Amino acid sequence: MAAHGLLNAYVVFARGAEPSAGPFLLGLRDAGGAFREAYAATGGEAFVIRPDGYLAACLPVGDPGRLVGHLRRTFAVG
């Protein structure tokens, strides 16, 4: 809703993690650790990755309001 349907959301699971993305998210496994290495992921973060691969935001998953706020600002409808 905050992105007005303009983005795809994925859950990236570390190697060995049990996937449980839920009904509205697609799950991907970072089997080789490439995502972890590229974005310095340690666990518990929500990343917003632009289509060109640049990191737009890295926010704590424990504070979903920050992620929603970022998406609302990014996808503001004038």
PDB file of N, CA and C in Angstrom:
ATOM      1  N   MET A   1       0.811  -1.193   0.000  1.00  0.00           N
ATOM      2  CA  MET A   1       0.000   0.000   0.000  1.00  0.00           C
ATOM      3  C   MET A   1       0.858   1.263   0.000  1.00  0.00           C
ATOM      4  N   ALA A   2       1.930   1.260   0.780  1.00  0.00           N
ATOM      5  CA  ALA A   2       2.786   2.441   0.837  1.00  0.00           C
ATOM      6  C   ALA A   2       3.505   2.681  -0.478  1.00  0.00           C
ATOM      7  N   ALA A   3       3.690   1.626  -1.282  1.00  0.00           N
ATOM      8  CA  ALA A   3       4.388   1.774  -2.560  1.00  0.00           C
ATOM      9  C   ALA A   3       3.417   1.793  -3.738  1.00  0.00           C
ATOM     10  N   HIS A   4       2.134   1.810  -3.460  1.00  0.00           N
ATOM     11  CA  HIS A   4       1.107   1.910  -4.493  1.00  0.00           C
ATOM     12  C   HIS A   4       1.232   0.833  -5.571  1.00  0.00           C
ATOM     13  N   GLY A   5       1.682  -0.366  -5.187  1.00  0.00           N
ATOM     14  CA  GLY A   5       1.825  -1.474  -6.129  1.00  0.00           C
ATOM     15  C   GLY A   5       2.992  -1.336  -7.086  1.00  0.00           C
ATOM     16  N   LEU A   6       3.954  -0.461  -6.786  1.00  0.00           N
ATOM     17  CA  LEU A   6       5.047  -0.187  -7.705  1.00  0.00           C
ATOM     18  C   LEU A   6       6.346  -0.905  -7.377  1.00  0.00           C
ATOM     19  N   LEU A   7       6.319  -1.897  -6.485  1.00  0.00           N
ATOM     20  CA  LEU A   7       7.538  -2.627  -6.209  1.00  0.00           C
ATOM     21  C   LEU A   7       7.223  -4.073  -5.879  1.00  0.00           C
ATOM     22  N   ASN A   8       8.237  -4.901  -6.044  1.00  0.00           N
ATOM     23  CA  ASN A   8       8.141  -6.307  -5.671  1.00  0.00           C
ATOM     24  C   ASN A   8       8.879  -6.500  -4.361  1.00  0.00           C
ATOM     25  N   ALA A   9       8.308  -7.284  -3.459  1.00  0.00           N
ATOM     26  CA  ALA A   9       8.946  -7.542  -2.168  1.00  0.00           C
ATOM     27  C   ALA A   9       9.373  -9.002  -2.104  1.00  0.00           C
ATOM     28  N   TYR A  10      10.588  -9.226  -1.644  1.00  0.00           N
ATOM     29  CA  TYR A  10      11.142 -10.568  -1.500  1.00  0.00           C
ATOM     30  C   TYR A  10      11.730 -10.708  -0.100  1.00  0.00           C
ATOM     31  N   VAL A  11      11.702 -11.911   0.405  1.00  0.00           N
ATOM     32  CA  VAL A  11      12.416 -12.233   1.628  1.00  0.00           C
ATOM     33  C   VAL A  11      13.633 -13.038   1.210  1.00  0.00           C
ATOM     34  N   VAL A  12      14.829 -12.616   1.621  1.00  0.00           N
ATOM     35  CA  VAL A  12      16.060 -13.328   1.281  1.00  0.00           C
ATOM     36  C   VAL A  12      16.512 -14.080   2.529  1.00  0.00           C
ATOM     37  N   PHE A  13      16.561 -15.393   2.414  1.00  0.00           N
ATOM     38  CA  PHE A  13      16.939 -16.249   3.528  1.00  0.00           C
ATOM     39  C   PHE A  13      18.397 -16.648   3.417  1.00  0.00           C
ATOM     40  N   ALA A  14      19.089 -16.611   4.542  1.00  0.00           N
ATOM     41  CA  ALA A  14      20.484 -17.045   4.579  1.00  0.00           C
ATOM     42  C   ALA A  14      20.566 -18.542   4.340  1.00  0.00           C
ATOM     43  N   ARG A  15      21.728 -18.991   3.926  1.00  0.00           N
ATOM     44  CA  ARG A  15      21.955 -20.421   3.740  1.00  0.00           C
ATOM     45  C   ARG A  15      21.618 -21.133   5.052  1.00  0.00           C
ATOM     46  N   GLY A  16      20.827 -22.170   4.978  1.00  0.00           N
ATOM     47  CA  GLY A  16      20.460 -22.950   6.153  1.00  0.00           C
ATOM     48  C   GLY A  16      19.240 -22.448   6.889  1.00  0.00           C
ATOM     49  N   ALA A  17      18.754 -21.245   6.560  1.00  0.00           N
ATOM     50  CA  ALA A  17      17.557 -20.717   7.227  1.00  0.00           C
ATOM     51  C   ALA A  17      16.326 -21.407   6.669  1.00  0.00           C
ATOM     52  N   GLU A  18      15.342 -21.577   7.505  1.00  0.00           N
ATOM     53  CA  GLU A  18      14.096 -22.212   7.095  1.00  0.00           C
ATOM     54  C   GLU A  18      13.189 -21.162   6.446  1.00  0.00           C
ATOM     55  N   PRO A  19      12.888 -21.312   5.142  1.00  0.00           N
ATOM     56  CA  PRO A  19      12.050 -20.320   4.462  1.00  0.00           C
ATOM     57  C   PRO A  19      10.627 -20.311   5.007  1.00  0.00           C
ATOM     58  N   SER A  20      10.120 -19.131   5.270  1.00  0.00           N
ATOM     59  CA  SER A  20       8.725 -18.950   5.674  1.00  0.00           C
ATOM     60  C   SER A  20       8.304 -17.539   5.300  1.00  0.00           C
ATOM     61  N   ALA A  21       8.269 -17.264   4.003  1.00  0.00           N
ATOM     62  CA  ALA A  21       8.024 -15.912   3.505  1.00  0.00           C
ATOM     63  C   ALA A  21       6.598 -15.448   3.736  1.00  0.00           C
ATOM     64  N   GLY A  22       5.649 -16.344   3.812  1.00  0.00           N
ATOM     65  CA  GLY A  22       4.262 -15.953   3.979  1.00  0.00           C
ATOM     66  C   GLY A  22       3.574 -15.835   2.636  1.00  0.00           C
ATOM     67  N   PRO A  23       2.285 -15.608   2.669  1.00  0.00           N
ATOM     68  CA  PRO A  23       1.495 -15.655   1.433  1.00  0.00           C
ATOM     69  C   PRO A  23       1.696 -14.493   0.487  1.00  0.00           C
ATOM     70  N   PHE A  24       2.234 -13.354   0.957  1.00  0.00           N
ATOM     71  CA  PHE A  24       2.315 -12.176   0.104  1.00  0.00           C
ATOM     72  C   PHE A  24       3.727 -11.821  -0.331  1.00  0.00           C
ATOM     73  N   LEU A  25       4.724 -12.599   0.106  1.00  0.00           N
ATOM     74  CA  LEU A  25       6.108 -12.309  -0.240  1.00  0.00           C
ATOM     75  C   LEU A  25       6.735 -13.502  -0.926  1.00  0.00           C
ATOM     76  N   LEU A  26       7.642 -13.231  -1.821  1.00  0.00           N
ATOM     77  CA  LEU A  26       8.407 -14.286  -2.473  1.00  0.00           C
ATOM     78  C   LEU A  26       9.687 -14.506  -1.688  1.00  0.00           C
ATOM     79  N   GLY A  27      10.052 -15.756  -1.499  1.00  0.00           N
ATOM     80  CA  GLY A  27      11.270 -16.065  -0.766  1.00  0.00           C
ATOM     81  C   GLY A  27      12.392 -16.505  -1.685  1.00  0.00           C
ATOM     82  N   LEU A  28      13.578 -16.022  -1.425  1.00  0.00           N
ATOM     83  CA  LEU A  28      14.785 -16.400  -2.150  1.00  0.00           C
ATOM     84  C   LEU A  28      15.824 -16.850  -1.139  1.00  0.00           C
ATOM     85  N   ARG A  29      16.646 -17.827  -1.512  1.00  0.00           N
ATOM     86  CA  ARG A  29      17.700 -18.306  -0.614  1.00  0.00           C
ATOM     87  C   ARG A  29      19.052 -17.761  -1.079  1.00  0.00           C
ATOM     88  N   ASP A  30      19.787 -17.181  -0.152  1.00  0.00           N
ATOM     89  CA  ASP A  30      21.126 -16.656  -0.432  1.00  0.00           C
ATOM     90  C   ASP A  30      22.141 -17.779  -0.203  1.00  0.00           C
ATOM     91  N   ALA A  31      22.037 -18.827  -1.011  1.00  0.00           N
ATOM     92  CA  ALA A  31      22.827 -20.052  -0.800  1.00  0.00           C
ATOM     93  C   ALA A  31      24.331 -19.792  -0.817  1.00  0.00           C
ATOM     94  N   GLY A  32      24.781 -18.930  -1.697  1.00  0.00           N
ATOM     95  CA  GLY A  32      26.214 -18.669  -1.790  1.00  0.00           C
ATOM     96  C   GLY A  32      26.683 -17.488  -0.959  1.00  0.00           C
ATOM     97  N   GLY A  33      25.755 -16.788  -0.314  1.00  0.00           N
ATOM     98  CA  GLY A  33      26.121 -15.644   0.512  1.00  0.00           C
ATOM     99  C   GLY A  33      26.369 -14.362  -0.264  1.00  0.00           C
ATOM    100  N   ALA A  34      25.998 -14.312  -1.552  1.00  0.00           N
ATOM    101  CA  ALA A  34      26.268 -13.126  -2.373  1.00  0.00           C
ATOM    102  C   ALA A  34      25.504 -11.901  -1.876  1.00  0.00           C
ATOM    103  N   PHE A  35      24.232 -12.082  -1.491  1.00  0.00           N
ATOM    104  CA  PHE A  35      23.457 -10.945  -0.984  1.00  0.00           C
ATOM    105  C   PHE A  35      24.061 -10.443   0.320  1.00  0.00           C
ATOM    106  N   ARG A  36      24.362 -11.361   1.226  1.00  0.00           N
ATOM    107  CA  ARG A  36      24.954 -10.997   2.522  1.00  0.00           C
ATOM    108  C   ARG A  36      26.243 -10.214   2.320  1.00  0.00           C
ATOM    109  N   GLU A  37      27.064 -10.673   1.399  1.00  0.00           N
ATOM    110  CA  GLU A  37      28.341 -10.006   1.148  1.00  0.00           C
ATOM    111  C   GLU A  37      28.155  -8.649   0.482  1.00  0.00           C
ATOM    112  N   ALA A  38      27.284  -8.579  -0.521  1.00  0.00           N
ATOM    113  CA  ALA A  38      27.098  -7.332  -1.262  1.00  0.00           C
ATOM    114  C   ALA A  38      26.500  -6.222  -0.409  1.00  0.00           C
ATOM    115  N   TYR A  39      25.587  -6.586   0.508  1.00  0.00           N
ATOM    116  CA  TYR A  39      24.875  -5.572   1.281  1.00  0.00           C
ATOM    117  C   TYR A  39      25.220  -5.596   2.770  1.00  0.00           C
ATOM    118  N   ALA A  40      26.217  -6.381   3.152  1.00  0.00           N
ATOM    119  CA  ALA A  40      26.666  -6.478   4.551  1.00  0.00           C
ATOM    120  C   ALA A  40      25.524  -6.834   5.495  1.00  0.00           C
ATOM    121  N   ALA A  41      24.672  -7.747   5.052  1.00  0.00           N
ATOM    122  CA  ALA A  41      23.527  -8.179   5.850  1.00  0.00           C
ATOM    123  C   ALA A  41      23.988  -9.019   7.030  1.00  0.00           C
ATOM    124  N   THR A  42      23.437  -8.723   8.185  1.00  0.00           N
ATOM    125  CA  THR A  42      23.766  -9.494   9.384  1.00  0.00           C
ATOM    126  C   THR A  42      22.551 -10.214   9.941  1.00  0.00           C
ATOM    127  N   GLY A  43      21.359  -9.872   9.461  1.00  0.00           N
ATOM    128  CA  GLY A  43      20.119 -10.471   9.934  1.00  0.00           C
ATOM    129  C   GLY A  43      19.285  -9.439  10.666  1.00  0.00           C
ATOM    130  N   GLY A  44      18.004  -9.483  10.464  1.00  0.00           N
ATOM    131  CA  GLY A  44      17.123  -8.548  11.141  1.00  0.00           C
ATOM    132  C   GLY A  44      16.987  -7.196  10.479  1.00  0.00           C
ATOM    133  N   GLU A  45      17.467  -7.068   9.244  1.00  0.00           N
ATOM    134  CA  GLU A  45      17.344  -5.799   8.526  1.00  0.00           C
ATOM    135  C   GLU A  45      16.330  -5.943   7.397  1.00  0.00           C
ATOM    136  N   ALA A  46      15.710  -4.839   7.055  1.00  0.00           N
ATOM    137  CA  ALA A  46      14.886  -4.749   5.859  1.00  0.00           C
ATOM    138  C   ALA A  46      15.655  -3.875   4.875  1.00  0.00           C
ATOM    139  N   PHE A  47      15.942  -4.411   3.717  1.00  0.00           N
ATOM    140  CA  PHE A  47      16.687  -3.681   2.694  1.00  0.00           C
ATOM    141  C   PHE A  47      15.738  -3.256   1.588  1.00  0.00           C
ATOM    142  N   VAL A  48      15.898  -2.045   1.105  1.00  0.00           N
ATOM    143  CA  VAL A  48      15.209  -1.585  -0.094  1.00  0.00           C
ATOM    144  C   VAL A  48      16.297  -1.430  -1.141  1.00  0.00           C
ATOM    145  N   ILE A  49      16.237  -2.306  -2.149  1.00  0.00           N
ATOM    146  CA  ILE A  49      17.236  -2.317  -3.216  1.00  0.00           C
ATOM    147  C   ILE A  49      16.589  -1.740  -4.477  1.00  0.00           C
ATOM    148  N   ARG A  50      17.227  -0.733  -5.051  1.00  0.00           N
ATOM    149  CA  ARG A  50      16.709  -0.143  -6.276  1.00  0.00           C
ATOM    150  C   ARG A  50      16.902  -1.116  -7.435  1.00  0.00           C
ATOM    151  N   PRO A  51      16.169  -0.941  -8.527  1.00  0.00           N
ATOM    152  CA  PRO A  51      16.320  -1.828  -9.689  1.00  0.00           C
ATOM    153  C   PRO A  51      17.739  -1.870 -10.253  1.00  0.00           C
ATOM    154  N   ASP A  52      18.524  -0.799 -10.045  1.00  0.00           N
ATOM    155  CA  ASP A  52      19.894  -0.790 -10.553  1.00  0.00           C
ATOM    156  C   ASP A  52      20.880  -1.419  -9.566  1.00  0.00           C
ATOM    157  N   GLY A  53      20.368  -1.998  -8.465  1.00  0.00           N
ATOM    158  CA  GLY A  53      21.207  -2.704  -7.508  1.00  0.00           C
ATOM    159  C   GLY A  53      21.724  -1.864  -6.359  1.00  0.00           C
ATOM    160  N   TYR A  54      21.508  -0.551  -6.413  1.00  0.00           N
ATOM    161  CA  TYR A  54      21.962   0.311  -5.321  1.00  0.00           C
ATOM    162  C   TYR A  54      21.048   0.173  -4.108  1.00  0.00           C
ATOM    163  N   LEU A  55      21.638   0.308  -2.937  1.00  0.00           N
ATOM    164  CA  LEU A  55      20.895   0.228  -1.691  1.00  0.00           C
ATOM    165  C   LEU A  55      20.186   1.548  -1.441  1.00  0.00           C
ATOM    166  N   ALA A  56      18.857   1.517  -1.352  1.00  0.00           N
ATOM    167  CA  ALA A  56      18.084   2.727  -1.086  1.00  0.00           C
ATOM    168  C   ALA A  56      17.869   2.926   0.409  1.00  0.00           C
ATOM    169  N   ALA A  57      17.749   1.813   1.163  1.00  0.00           N
ATOM    170  CA  ALA A  57      17.539   1.912   2.607  1.00  0.00           C
ATOM    171  C   ALA A  57      17.861   0.589   3.268  1.00  0.00           C
ATOM    172  N   CYS A  58      18.342   0.674   4.493  1.00  0.00           N
ATOM    173  CA  CYS A  58      18.556  -0.497   5.345  1.00  0.00           C
ATOM    174  C   CYS A  58      17.963  -0.128   6.698  1.00  0.00           C
ATOM    175  N   LEU A  59      16.882  -0.793   7.053  1.00  0.00           N
ATOM    176  CA  LEU A  59      16.120  -0.418   8.241  1.00  0.00           C
ATOM    177  C   LEU A  59      15.893  -1.636   9.125  1.00  0.00           C
ATOM    178  N   PRO A  60      15.752  -1.441  10.435  1.00  0.00           N
ATOM    179  CA  PRO A  60      15.506  -2.571  11.325  1.00  0.00           C
ATOM    180  C   PRO A  60      14.098  -3.138  11.114  1.00  0.00           C
ATOM    181  N   VAL A  61      13.976  -4.462  11.020  1.00  0.00           N
ATOM    182  CA  VAL A  61      12.656  -5.062  10.822  1.00  0.00           C
ATOM    183  C   VAL A  61      11.776  -4.896  12.052  1.00  0.00           C
ATOM    184  N   GLY A  62      12.355  -4.629  13.200  1.00  0.00           N
ATOM    185  CA  GLY A  62      11.591  -4.425  14.418  1.00  0.00           C
ATOM    186  C   GLY A  62      10.835  -3.110  14.444  1.00  0.00           C
ATOM    187  N   ASP A  63      11.052  -2.256  13.442  1.00  0.00           N
ATOM    188  CA  ASP A  63      10.385  -0.957  13.370  1.00  0.00           C
ATOM    189  C   ASP A  63       9.768  -0.795  11.989  1.00  0.00           C
ATOM    190  N   PRO A  64       8.668  -1.518  11.698  1.00  0.00           N
ATOM    191  CA  PRO A  64       8.088  -1.465  10.357  1.00  0.00           C
ATOM    192  C   PRO A  64       7.618  -0.078   9.944  1.00  0.00           C
ATOM    193  N   GLY A  65       7.350   0.790  10.904  1.00  0.00           N
ATOM    194  CA  GLY A  65       6.931   2.150  10.576  1.00  0.00           C
ATOM    195  C   GLY A  65       7.978   2.916   9.796  1.00  0.00           C
ATOM    196  N   ARG A  66       9.253   2.658  10.094  1.00  0.00           N
ATOM    197  CA  ARG A  66      10.326   3.333   9.344  1.00  0.00           C
ATOM    198  C   ARG A  66      10.334   2.889   7.893  1.00  0.00           C
ATOM    199  N   LEU A  67      10.125   1.592   7.654  1.00  0.00           N
ATOM    200  CA  LEU A  67      10.078   1.079   6.282  1.00  0.00           C
ATOM    201  C   LEU A  67       8.873   1.656   5.544  1.00  0.00           C
ATOM    202  N   VAL A  68       7.724   1.642   6.171  1.00  0.00           N
ATOM    203  CA  VAL A  68       6.517   2.192   5.549  1.00  0.00           C
ATOM    204  C   VAL A  68       6.709   3.676   5.261  1.00  0.00           C
ATOM    205  N   GLY A  69       7.307   4.408   6.192  1.00  0.00           N
ATOM    206  CA  GLY A  69       7.573   5.829   5.971  1.00  0.00           C
ATOM    207  C   GLY A  69       8.499   6.061   4.795  1.00  0.00           C
ATOM    208  N   HIS A  70       9.553   5.240   4.693  1.00  0.00           N
ATOM    209  CA  HIS A  70      10.492   5.361   3.566  1.00  0.00           C
ATOM    210  C   HIS A  70       9.758   5.112   2.252  1.00  0.00           C
ATOM    211  N   LEU A  71       8.947   4.065   2.199  1.00  0.00           N
ATOM    212  CA  LEU A  71       8.220   3.750   0.969  1.00  0.00           C
ATOM    213  C   LEU A  71       7.217   4.846   0.620  1.00  0.00           C
ATOM    214  N   ARG A  72       6.548   5.391   1.613  1.00  0.00           N
ATOM    215  CA  ARG A  72       5.592   6.480   1.342  1.00  0.00           C
ATOM    216  C   ARG A  72       6.300   7.700   0.766  1.00  0.00           C
ATOM    217  N   ARG A  73       7.468   8.030   1.307  1.00  0.00           N
ATOM    218  CA  ARG A  73       8.226   9.172   0.782  1.00  0.00           C
ATOM    219  C   ARG A  73       8.724   8.895  -0.643  1.00  0.00           C
ATOM    220  N   THR A  74       9.206   7.667  -0.860  1.00  0.00           N
ATOM    221  CA  THR A  74       9.755   7.314  -2.166  1.00  0.00           C
ATOM    222  C   THR A  74       8.668   7.278  -3.238  1.00  0.00           C
ATOM    223  N   PHE A  75       7.517   6.739  -2.894  1.00  0.00           N
ATOM    224  CA  PHE A  75       6.449   6.553  -3.862  1.00  0.00           C
ATOM    225  C   PHE A  75       5.309   7.549  -3.657  1.00  0.00           C
ATOM    226  N   ALA A  76       5.641   8.748  -3.169  1.00  0.00           N
ATOM    227  CA  ALA A  76       4.623   9.765  -2.926  1.00  0.00           C
ATOM    228  C   ALA A  76       3.895  10.088  -4.215  1.00  0.00           C
ATOM    229  N   VAL A  77       2.600  10.147  -4.109  1.00  0.00           N
ATOM    230  CA  VAL A  77       1.769  10.514  -5.259  1.00  0.00           C
ATOM    231  C   VAL A  77       1.402  11.975  -5.075  1.00  0.00           C
ATOM    232  N   GLY A  78       1.814  12.787  -6.062  1.00  0.00           N
ATOM    233  CA  GLY A  78       1.650  14.224  -5.970  1.00  0.00           C
ATOM    234  C   GLY A  78       0.276  14.653  -6.071  1.00  0.00           C
TER     235      GLY A  78
END
